[in-house]
Amino acid sequence: MTDLGMVLEVFLFINLLVALLKVTRGPTHADRMLAALLFGTTGVALLLLLAHTEGEPALVDIALALAVLAVIAGAAFAQRAWRGKWEGNEHS
């Protein structure tokens, strides 16, 4: 593994930790969902980088599955928010 690959992996891992912190702290549902989508996107990037540097093609399949799950979660959140399911219930 090259030094650049290691630096990028550490940077992406730190980004994942920050996103996880934001998911747990909120303050609104929209903030938590955006952080979860950031978590998914960063996870995909990290898995693709690891697949390239380690030569593990199975990680590409896992990254694809994670990307599809992030899209489905974002669409489900948008549909639920559009219908107003969280009106007046901002902090639960």
PDB file of N, CA and C in Angstrom:
ATOM      1  N   MET A   1       0.834  -1.171   0.000  1.00  0.00           N
ATOM      2  CA  MET A   1       0.000   0.000   0.000  1.00  0.00           C
ATOM      3  C   MET A   1       0.884   1.241   0.000  1.00  0.00           C
ATOM      4  N   THR A   2       0.479   2.212  -0.766  1.00  0.00           N
ATOM      5  CA  THR A   2       1.259   3.438  -0.838  1.00  0.00           C
ATOM      6  C   THR A   2       0.938   4.345   0.339  1.00  0.00           C
ATOM      7  N   ASP A   3       1.805   5.316   0.546  1.00  0.00           N
ATOM      8  CA  ASP A   3       1.581   6.284   1.626  1.00  0.00           C
ATOM      9  C   ASP A   3       0.328   7.120   1.371  1.00  0.00           C
ATOM     10  N   LEU A   4       0.089   7.465   0.106  1.00  0.00           N
ATOM     11  CA  LEU A   4      -1.096   8.247  -0.226  1.00  0.00           C
ATOM     12  C   LEU A   4      -2.361   7.451   0.083  1.00  0.00           C
ATOM     13  N   GLY A   5      -2.349   6.171  -0.235  1.00  0.00           N
ATOM     14  CA  GLY A   5      -3.510   5.335   0.071  1.00  0.00           C
ATOM     15  C   GLY A   5      -3.780   5.270   1.559  1.00  0.00           C
ATOM     16  N   MET A   6      -2.744   5.157   2.345  1.00  0.00           N
ATOM     17  CA  MET A   6      -2.888   5.103   3.802  1.00  0.00           C
ATOM     18  C   MET A   6      -3.433   6.421   4.340  1.00  0.00           C
ATOM     19  N   VAL A   7      -2.935   7.530   3.836  1.00  0.00           N
ATOM     20  CA  VAL A   7      -3.410   8.852   4.279  1.00  0.00           C
ATOM     21  C   VAL A   7      -4.885   9.027   3.923  1.00  0.00           C
ATOM     22  N   LEU A   8      -5.276   8.628   2.721  1.00  0.00           N
ATOM     23  CA  LEU A   8      -6.676   8.740   2.315  1.00  0.00           C
ATOM     24  C   LEU A   8      -7.579   7.848   3.161  1.00  0.00           C
ATOM     25  N   GLU A   9      -7.135   6.654   3.466  1.00  0.00           N
ATOM     26  CA  GLU A   9      -7.933   5.756   4.295  1.00  0.00           C
ATOM     27  C   GLU A   9      -8.128   6.317   5.702  1.00  0.00           C
ATOM     28  N   VAL A  10      -7.083   6.880   6.279  1.00  0.00           N
ATOM     29  CA  VAL A  10      -7.197   7.484   7.611  1.00  0.00           C
ATOM     30  C   VAL A  10      -8.128   8.688   7.568  1.00  0.00           C
ATOM     31  N   PHE A  11      -8.011   9.519   6.532  1.00  0.00           N
ATOM     32  CA  PHE A  11      -8.883  10.683   6.390  1.00  0.00           C
ATOM     33  C   PHE A  11     -10.343  10.258   6.275  1.00  0.00           C
ATOM     34  N   LEU A  12     -10.625   9.252   5.463  1.00  0.00           N
ATOM     35  CA  LEU A  12     -11.995   8.787   5.296  1.00  0.00           C
ATOM     36  C   LEU A  12     -12.528   8.161   6.584  1.00  0.00           C
ATOM     37  N   PHE A  13     -11.684   7.452   7.316  1.00  0.00           N
ATOM     38  CA  PHE A  13     -12.110   6.862   8.581  1.00  0.00           C
ATOM     39  C   PHE A  13     -12.450   7.940   9.604  1.00  0.00           C
ATOM     40  N   ILE A  14     -11.654   8.998   9.667  1.00  0.00           N
ATOM     41  CA  ILE A  14     -11.954  10.119  10.572  1.00  0.00           C
ATOM     42  C   ILE A  14     -13.264  10.783  10.164  1.00  0.00           C
ATOM     43  N   ASN A  15     -13.482  10.897   8.856  1.00  0.00           N
ATOM     44  CA  ASN A  15     -14.735  11.453   8.355  1.00  0.00           C
ATOM     45  C   ASN A  15     -15.918  10.590   8.783  1.00  0.00           C
ATOM     46  N   LEU A  16     -15.746   9.269   8.764  1.00  0.00           N
ATOM     47  CA  LEU A  16     -16.800   8.369   9.234  1.00  0.00           C
ATOM     48  C   LEU A  16     -17.104   8.579  10.713  1.00  0.00           C
ATOM     49  N   LEU A  17     -16.077   8.772  11.516  1.00  0.00           N
ATOM     50  CA  LEU A  17     -16.281   8.997  12.941  1.00  0.00           C
ATOM     51  C   LEU A  17     -17.033  10.300  13.201  1.00  0.00           C
ATOM     52  N   VAL A  18     -16.707  11.340  12.463  1.00  0.00           N
ATOM     53  CA  VAL A  18     -17.403  12.619  12.611  1.00  0.00           C
ATOM     54  C   VAL A  18     -18.869  12.482  12.195  1.00  0.00           C
ATOM     55  N   ALA A  19     -19.112  11.758  11.101  1.00  0.00           N
ATOM     56  CA  ALA A  19     -20.494  11.538  10.651  1.00  0.00           C
ATOM     57  C   ALA A  19     -21.273  10.738  11.681  1.00  0.00           C
ATOM     58  N   LEU A  20     -20.650   9.742  12.289  1.00  0.00           N
ATOM     59  CA  LEU A  20     -21.317   8.955  13.314  1.00  0.00           C
ATOM     60  C   LEU A  20     -21.674   9.819  14.526  1.00  0.00           C
ATOM     61  N   LEU A  21     -20.799  10.713  14.887  1.00  0.00           N
ATOM     62  CA  LEU A  21     -21.077  11.637  15.985  1.00  0.00           C
ATOM     63  C   LEU A  21     -22.269  12.527  15.654  1.00  0.00           C
ATOM     64  N   LYS A  22     -22.326  13.011  14.423  1.00  0.00           N
ATOM     65  CA  LYS A  22     -23.427  13.883  14.005  1.00  0.00           C
ATOM     66  C   LYS A  22     -24.745  13.115  13.954  1.00  0.00           C
ATOM     67  N   VAL A  23     -24.702  11.842  13.562  1.00  0.00           N
ATOM     68  CA  VAL A  23     -25.920  11.035  13.533  1.00  0.00           C
ATOM     69  C   VAL A  23     -26.488  10.878  14.939  1.00  0.00           C
ATOM     70  N   THR A  24     -25.631  10.698  15.910  1.00  0.00           N
ATOM     71  CA  THR A  24     -26.114  10.483  17.273  1.00  0.00           C
ATOM     72  C   THR A  24     -26.566  11.762  17.966  1.00  0.00           C
ATOM     73  N   ARG A  25     -26.024  12.913  17.564  1.00  0.00           N
ATOM     74  CA  ARG A  25     -26.318  14.163  18.287  1.00  0.00           C
ATOM     75  C   ARG A  25     -27.409  15.002  17.655  1.00  0.00           C
ATOM     76  N   GLY A  26     -27.689  14.834  16.386  1.00  0.00           N
ATOM     77  CA  GLY A  26     -28.796  15.577  15.784  1.00  0.00           C
ATOM     78  C   GLY A  26     -28.425  16.957  15.296  1.00  0.00           C
ATOM     79  N   PRO A  27     -29.143  17.990  15.561  1.00  0.00           N
ATOM     80  CA  PRO A  27     -30.292  18.150  16.442  1.00  0.00           C
ATOM     81  C   PRO A  27     -31.637  17.818  15.780  1.00  0.00           C
ATOM     82  N   THR A  28     -31.732  17.834  14.445  1.00  0.00           N
ATOM     83  CA  THR A  28     -33.013  17.543  13.797  1.00  0.00           C
ATOM     84  C   THR A  28     -32.909  16.234  13.031  1.00  0.00           C
ATOM     85  N   HIS A  29     -34.059  15.749  12.614  1.00  0.00           N
ATOM     86  CA  HIS A  29     -34.095  14.519  11.823  1.00  0.00           C
ATOM     87  C   HIS A  29     -33.369  14.703  10.486  1.00  0.00           C
ATOM     88  N   ALA A  30     -33.521  15.869   9.887  1.00  0.00           N
ATOM     89  CA  ALA A  30     -32.865  16.126   8.609  1.00  0.00           C
ATOM     90  C   ALA A  30     -31.338  16.126   8.770  1.00  0.00           C
ATOM     91  N   ASP A  31     -30.841  16.711   9.847  1.00  0.00           N
ATOM     92  CA  ASP A  31     -29.396  16.691  10.107  1.00  0.00           C
ATOM     93  C   ASP A  31     -28.888  15.270  10.272  1.00  0.00           C
ATOM     94  N   ARG A  32     -29.651  14.471  10.989  1.00  0.00           N
ATOM     95  CA  ARG A  32     -29.247  13.078  11.193  1.00  0.00           C
ATOM     96  C   ARG A  32     -29.257  12.302   9.882  1.00  0.00           C
ATOM     97  N   MET A  33     -30.254  12.551   9.041  1.00  0.00           N
ATOM     98  CA  MET A  33     -30.320  11.830   7.767  1.00  0.00           C
ATOM     99  C   MET A  33     -29.188  12.246   6.847  1.00  0.00           C
ATOM    100  N   LEU A  34     -28.880  13.523   6.791  1.00  0.00           N
ATOM    101  CA  LEU A  34     -27.761  13.973   5.958  1.00  0.00           C
ATOM    102  C   LEU A  34     -26.443  13.381   6.440  1.00  0.00           C
ATOM    103  N   ALA A  35     -26.269  13.288   7.743  1.00  0.00           N
ATOM    104  CA  ALA A  35     -25.058  12.667   8.275  1.00  0.00           C
ATOM    105  C   ALA A  35     -25.014  11.182   7.938  1.00  0.00           C
ATOM    106  N   ALA A  36     -26.171  10.511   7.979  1.00  0.00           N
ATOM    107  CA  ALA A  36     -26.214   9.098   7.614  1.00  0.00           C
ATOM    108  C   ALA A  36     -25.881   8.903   6.142  1.00  0.00           C
ATOM    109  N   LEU A  37     -26.340   9.807   5.293  1.00  0.00           N
ATOM    110  CA  LEU A  37     -25.987   9.723   3.871  1.00  0.00           C
ATOM    111  C   LEU A  37     -24.495   9.992   3.662  1.00  0.00           C
ATOM    112  N   LEU A  38     -23.937  10.916   4.440  1.00  0.00           N
ATOM    113  CA  LEU A  38     -22.494  11.143   4.394  1.00  0.00           C
ATOM    114  C   LEU A  38     -21.752   9.891   4.835  1.00  0.00           C
ATOM    115  N   PHE A  39     -22.272   9.239   5.856  1.00  0.00           N
ATOM    116  CA  PHE A  39     -21.692   7.991   6.347  1.00  0.00           C
ATOM    117  C   PHE A  39     -21.679   6.941   5.234  1.00  0.00           C
ATOM    118  N   GLY A  40     -22.793   6.825   4.521  1.00  0.00           N
ATOM    119  CA  GLY A  40     -22.869   5.859   3.427  1.00  0.00           C
ATOM    120  C   GLY A  40     -21.921   6.187   2.287  1.00  0.00           C
ATOM    121  N   THR A  41     -21.866   7.445   1.899  1.00  0.00           N
ATOM    122  CA  THR A  41     -20.992   7.853   0.803  1.00  0.00           C
ATOM    123  C   THR A  41     -19.523   7.668   1.154  1.00  0.00           C
ATOM    124  N   THR A  42     -19.156   8.046   2.360  1.00  0.00           N
ATOM    125  CA  THR A  42     -17.774   7.884   2.799  1.00  0.00           C
ATOM    126  C   THR A  42     -17.419   6.411   2.940  1.00  0.00           C
ATOM    127  N   GLY A  43     -18.361   5.622   3.407  1.00  0.00           N
ATOM    128  CA  GLY A  43     -18.132   4.183   3.505  1.00  0.00           C
ATOM    129  C   GLY A  43     -17.890   3.555   2.143  1.00  0.00           C
ATOM    130  N   VAL A  44     -18.649   3.996   1.145  1.00  0.00           N
ATOM    131  CA  VAL A  44     -18.451   3.497  -0.217  1.00  0.00           C
ATOM    132  C   VAL A  44     -17.057   3.886  -0.713  1.00  0.00           C
ATOM    133  N   ALA A  45     -16.671   5.135  -0.495  1.00  0.00           N
ATOM    134  CA  ALA A  45     -15.342   5.582  -0.931  1.00  0.00           C
ATOM    135  C   ALA A  45     -14.232   4.795  -0.247  1.00  0.00           C
ATOM    136  N   LEU A  46     -14.384   4.562   1.044  1.00  0.00           N
ATOM    137  CA  LEU A  46     -13.378   3.806   1.794  1.00  0.00           C
ATOM    138  C   LEU A  46     -13.297   2.363   1.298  1.00  0.00           C
ATOM    139  N   LEU A  47     -14.431   1.744   1.062  1.00  0.00           N
ATOM    140  CA  LEU A  47     -14.426   0.368   0.563  1.00  0.00           C
ATOM    141  C   LEU A  47     -13.814   0.273  -0.831  1.00  0.00           C
ATOM    142  N   LEU A  48     -14.114   1.241  -1.694  1.00  0.00           N
ATOM    143  CA  LEU A  48     -13.523   1.221  -3.038  1.00  0.00           C
ATOM    144  C   LEU A  48     -12.018   1.437  -2.986  1.00  0.00           C
ATOM    145  N   LEU A  49     -11.575   2.312  -2.111  1.00  0.00           N
ATOM    146  CA  LEU A  49     -10.134   2.537  -1.958  1.00  0.00           C
ATOM    147  C   LEU A  49      -9.449   1.277  -1.430  1.00  0.00           C
ATOM    148  N   LEU A  50     -10.062   0.640  -0.449  1.00  0.00           N
ATOM    149  CA  LEU A  50      -9.499  -0.604   0.079  1.00  0.00           C
ATOM    150  C   LEU A  50      -9.504  -1.708  -0.974  1.00  0.00           C
ATOM    151  N   ALA A  51     -10.555  -1.775  -1.782  1.00  0.00           N
ATOM    152  CA  ALA A  51     -10.611  -2.784  -2.843  1.00  0.00           C
ATOM    153  C   ALA A  51      -9.479  -2.583  -3.834  1.00  0.00           C
ATOM    154  N   HIS A  52      -9.180  -1.333  -4.127  1.00  0.00           N
ATOM    155  CA  HIS A  52      -8.097  -1.045  -5.079  1.00  0.00           C
ATOM    156  C   HIS A  52      -6.724  -1.324  -4.474  1.00  0.00           C
ATOM    157  N   THR A  53      -6.502  -0.852  -3.261  1.00  0.00           N
ATOM    158  CA  THR A  53      -5.166  -0.996  -2.675  1.00  0.00           C
ATOM    159  C   THR A  53      -4.871  -2.422  -2.233  1.00  0.00           C
ATOM    160  N   GLU A  54      -5.875  -3.145  -1.760  1.00  0.00           N
ATOM    161  CA  GLU A  54      -5.660  -4.504  -1.268  1.00  0.00           C
ATOM    162  C   GLU A  54      -5.914  -5.568  -2.330  1.00  0.00           C
ATOM    163  N   GLY A  55      -6.488  -5.171  -3.460  1.00  0.00           N
ATOM    164  CA  GLY A  55      -6.761  -6.135  -4.518  1.00  0.00           C
ATOM    165  C   GLY A  55      -7.873  -7.108  -4.168  1.00  0.00           C
ATOM    166  N   GLU A  56      -8.889  -6.636  -3.469  1.00  0.00           N
ATOM    167  CA  GLU A  56     -10.021  -7.471  -3.062  1.00  0.00           C
ATOM    168  C   GLU A  56     -11.269  -7.046  -3.833  1.00  0.00           C
ATOM    169  N   PRO A  57     -11.608  -7.734  -4.914  1.00  0.00           N
ATOM    170  CA  PRO A  57     -12.778  -7.321  -5.712  1.00  0.00           C
ATOM    171  C   PRO A  57     -14.111  -7.489  -4.984  1.00  0.00           C
ATOM    172  N   ALA A  58     -14.171  -8.316  -3.952  1.00  0.00           N
ATOM    173  CA  ALA A  58     -15.418  -8.498  -3.211  1.00  0.00           C
ATOM    174  C   ALA A  58     -15.834  -7.207  -2.507  1.00  0.00           C
ATOM    175  N   LEU A  59     -14.877  -6.365  -2.155  1.00  0.00           N
ATOM    176  CA  LEU A  59     -15.204  -5.100  -1.490  1.00  0.00           C
ATOM    177  C   LEU A  59     -15.966  -4.156  -2.416  1.00  0.00           C
ATOM    178  N   VAL A  60     -15.787  -4.292  -3.719  1.00  0.00           N
ATOM    179  CA  VAL A  60     -16.542  -3.471  -4.671  1.00  0.00           C
ATOM    180  C   VAL A  60     -18.017  -3.838  -4.604  1.00  0.00           C
ATOM    181  N   ASP A  61     -18.319  -5.123  -4.481  1.00  0.00           N
ATOM    182  CA  ASP A  61     -19.709  -5.561  -4.362  1.00  0.00           C
ATOM    183  C   ASP A  61     -20.342  -5.030  -3.079  1.00  0.00           C
ATOM    184  N   ILE A  62     -19.600  -5.052  -2.004  1.00  0.00           N
ATOM    185  CA  ILE A  62     -20.112  -4.542  -0.726  1.00  0.00           C
ATOM    186  C   ILE A  62     -20.350  -3.036  -0.828  1.00  0.00           C
ATOM    187  N   ALA A  63     -19.447  -2.327  -1.495  1.00  0.00           N
ATOM    188  CA  ALA A  63     -19.605  -0.880  -1.679  1.00  0.00           C
ATOM    189  C   ALA A  63     -20.855  -0.577  -2.505  1.00  0.00           C
ATOM    190  N   LEU A  64     -21.110  -1.377  -3.523  1.00  0.00           N
ATOM    191  CA  LEU A  64     -22.308  -1.183  -4.347  1.00  0.00           C
ATOM    192  C   LEU A  64     -23.569  -1.403  -3.518  1.00  0.00           C
ATOM    193  N   ALA A  65     -23.583  -2.430  -2.697  1.00  0.00           N
ATOM    194  CA  ALA A  65     -24.742  -2.692  -1.845  1.00  0.00           C
ATOM    195  C   ALA A  65     -24.958  -1.541  -0.859  1.00  0.00           C
ATOM    196  N   LEU A  66     -23.892  -1.010  -0.281  1.00  0.00           N
ATOM    197  CA  LEU A  66     -24.000   0.117   0.642  1.00  0.00           C
ATOM    198  C   LEU A  66     -24.528   1.363  -0.066  1.00  0.00           C
ATOM    199  N   ALA A  67     -24.099   1.593  -1.300  1.00  0.00           N
ATOM    200  CA  ALA A  67     -24.578   2.745  -2.058  1.00  0.00           C
ATOM    201  C   ALA A  67     -26.076   2.629  -2.343  1.00  0.00           C
ATOM    202  N   VAL A  68     -26.534   1.436  -2.695  1.00  0.00           N
ATOM    203  CA  VAL A  68     -27.963   1.234  -2.958  1.00  0.00           C
ATOM    204  C   VAL A  68     -28.776   1.431  -1.683  1.00  0.00           C
ATOM    205  N   LEU A  69     -28.272   0.931  -0.552  1.00  0.00           N
ATOM    206  CA  LEU A  69     -28.973   1.124   0.713  1.00  0.00           C
ATOM    207  C   LEU A  69     -29.075   2.601   1.088  1.00  0.00           C
ATOM    208  N   ALA A  70     -28.030   3.367   0.817  1.00  0.00           N
ATOM    209  CA  ALA A  70     -28.051   4.806   1.123  1.00  0.00           C
ATOM    210  C   ALA A  70     -29.100   5.521   0.276  1.00  0.00           C
ATOM    211  N   VAL A  71     -29.217   5.145  -0.983  1.00  0.00           N
ATOM    212  CA  VAL A  71     -30.216   5.769  -1.857  1.00  0.00           C
ATOM    213  C   VAL A  71     -31.624   5.433  -1.380  1.00  0.00           C
ATOM    214  N   ILE A  72     -31.846   4.185  -1.023  1.00  0.00           N
ATOM    215  CA  ILE A  72     -33.169   3.775  -0.550  1.00  0.00           C
ATOM    216  C   ILE A  72     -33.518   4.490   0.759  1.00  0.00           C
ATOM    217  N   ALA A  73     -32.566   4.597   1.657  1.00  0.00           N
ATOM    218  CA  ALA A  73     -32.820   5.282   2.927  1.00  0.00           C
ATOM    219  C   ALA A  73     -33.125   6.763   2.694  1.00  0.00           C
ATOM    220  N   GLY A  74     -32.389   7.400   1.808  1.00  0.00           N
ATOM    221  CA  GLY A  74     -32.647   8.814   1.510  1.00  0.00           C
ATOM    222  C   GLY A  74     -34.013   9.028   0.889  1.00  0.00           C
ATOM    223  N   ALA A  75     -34.408   8.143  -0.017  1.00  0.00           N
ATOM    224  CA  ALA A  75     -35.724   8.256  -0.644  1.00  0.00           C
ATOM    225  C   ALA A  75     -36.841   8.018   0.362  1.00  0.00           C
ATOM    226  N   ALA A  76     -36.663   7.043   1.237  1.00  0.00           N
ATOM    227  CA  ALA A  76     -37.679   6.769   2.253  1.00  0.00           C
ATOM    228  C   ALA A  76     -37.809   7.944   3.218  1.00  0.00           C
ATOM    229  N   PHE A  77     -36.688   8.537   3.600  1.00  0.00           N
ATOM    230  CA  PHE A  77     -36.735   9.695   4.486  1.00  0.00           C
ATOM    231  C   PHE A  77     -37.454  10.861   3.805  1.00  0.00           C
ATOM    232  N   ALA A  78     -37.120  11.125   2.546  1.00  0.00           N
ATOM    233  CA  ALA A  78     -37.739  12.243   1.829  1.00  0.00           C
ATOM    234  C   ALA A  78     -39.242  12.033   1.686  1.00  0.00           C
ATOM    235  N   GLN A  79     -39.652  10.806   1.406  1.00  0.00           N
ATOM    236  CA  GLN A  79     -41.079  10.536   1.269  1.00  0.00           C
ATOM    237  C   GLN A  79     -41.802  10.744   2.595  1.00  0.00           C
ATOM    238  N   ARG A  80     -41.203  10.266   3.673  1.00  0.00           N
ATOM    239  CA  ARG A  80     -41.836  10.413   4.984  1.00  0.00           C
ATOM    240  C   ARG A  80     -41.855  11.880   5.421  1.00  0.00           C
ATOM    241  N   ALA A  81     -40.777  12.606   5.176  1.00  0.00           N
ATOM    242  CA  ALA A  81     -40.723  14.023   5.547  1.00  0.00           C
ATOM    243  C   ALA A  81     -41.697  14.835   4.705  1.00  0.00           C
ATOM    244  N   TRP A  82     -41.876  14.468   3.443  1.00  0.00           N
ATOM    245  CA  TRP A  82     -42.776  15.199   2.551  1.00  0.00           C
ATOM    246  C   TRP A  82     -44.220  15.067   3.036  1.00  0.00           C
ATOM    247  N   ARG A  83     -44.548  13.924   3.601  1.00  0.00           N
ATOM    248  CA  ARG A  83     -45.904  13.708   4.106  1.00  0.00           C
ATOM    249  C   ARG A  83     -46.126  14.349   5.470  1.00  0.00           C
ATOM    250  N   GLY A  84     -45.075  14.875   6.101  1.00  0.00           N
ATOM    251  CA  GLY A  84     -45.217  15.593   7.366  1.00  0.00           C
ATOM    252  C   GLY A  84     -45.359  14.700   8.573  1.00  0.00           C
ATOM    253  N   LYS A  85     -44.738  13.542   8.557  1.00  0.00           N
ATOM    254  CA  LYS A  85     -44.864  12.614   9.683  1.00  0.00           C
ATOM    255  C   LYS A  85     -44.168  13.129  10.933  1.00  0.00           C
ATOM    256  N   TRP A  86     -43.241  14.074  10.800  1.00  0.00           N
ATOM    257  CA  TRP A  86     -42.458  14.529  11.952  1.00  0.00           C
ATOM    258  C   TRP A  86     -42.850  15.916  12.424  1.00  0.00           C
ATOM    259  N   GLU A  87     -43.948  16.448  11.959  1.00  0.00           N
ATOM    260  CA  GLU A  87     -44.356  17.789  12.376  1.00  0.00           C
ATOM    261  C   GLU A  87     -44.647  17.795  13.874  1.00  0.00           C
ATOM    262  N   GLY A  88     -44.038  18.722  14.572  1.00  0.00           N
ATOM    263  CA  GLY A  88     -44.255  18.843  15.995  1.00  0.00           C
ATOM    264  C   GLY A  88     -43.547  17.771  16.818  1.00  0.00           C
ATOM    265  N   ASN A  89     -42.762  16.945  16.189  1.00  0.00           N
ATOM    266  CA  ASN A  89     -42.067  15.859  16.882  1.00  0.00           C
ATOM    267  C   ASN A  89     -40.597  15.900  16.486  1.00  0.00           C
ATOM    268  N   GLU A  90     -39.985  17.041  16.658  1.00  0.00           N
ATOM    269  CA  GLU A  90     -38.632  17.293  16.150  1.00  0.00           C
ATOM    270  C   GLU A  90     -37.542  16.572  16.910  1.00  0.00           C
ATOM    271  N   HIS A  91     -37.705  16.287  18.183  1.00  0.00           N
ATOM    272  CA  HIS A  91     -36.599  15.760  18.980  1.00  0.00           C
ATOM    273  C   HIS A  91     -36.805  14.326  19.428  1.00  0.00           C
ATOM    274  N   SER A  92     -37.634  13.573  18.781  1.00  0.00           N
ATOM    275  CA  SER A  92     -37.806  12.179  19.221  1.00  0.00           C
ATOM    276  C   SER A  92     -37.152  11.222  18.286  1.00  0.00           C
TER     277      SER A  92
END
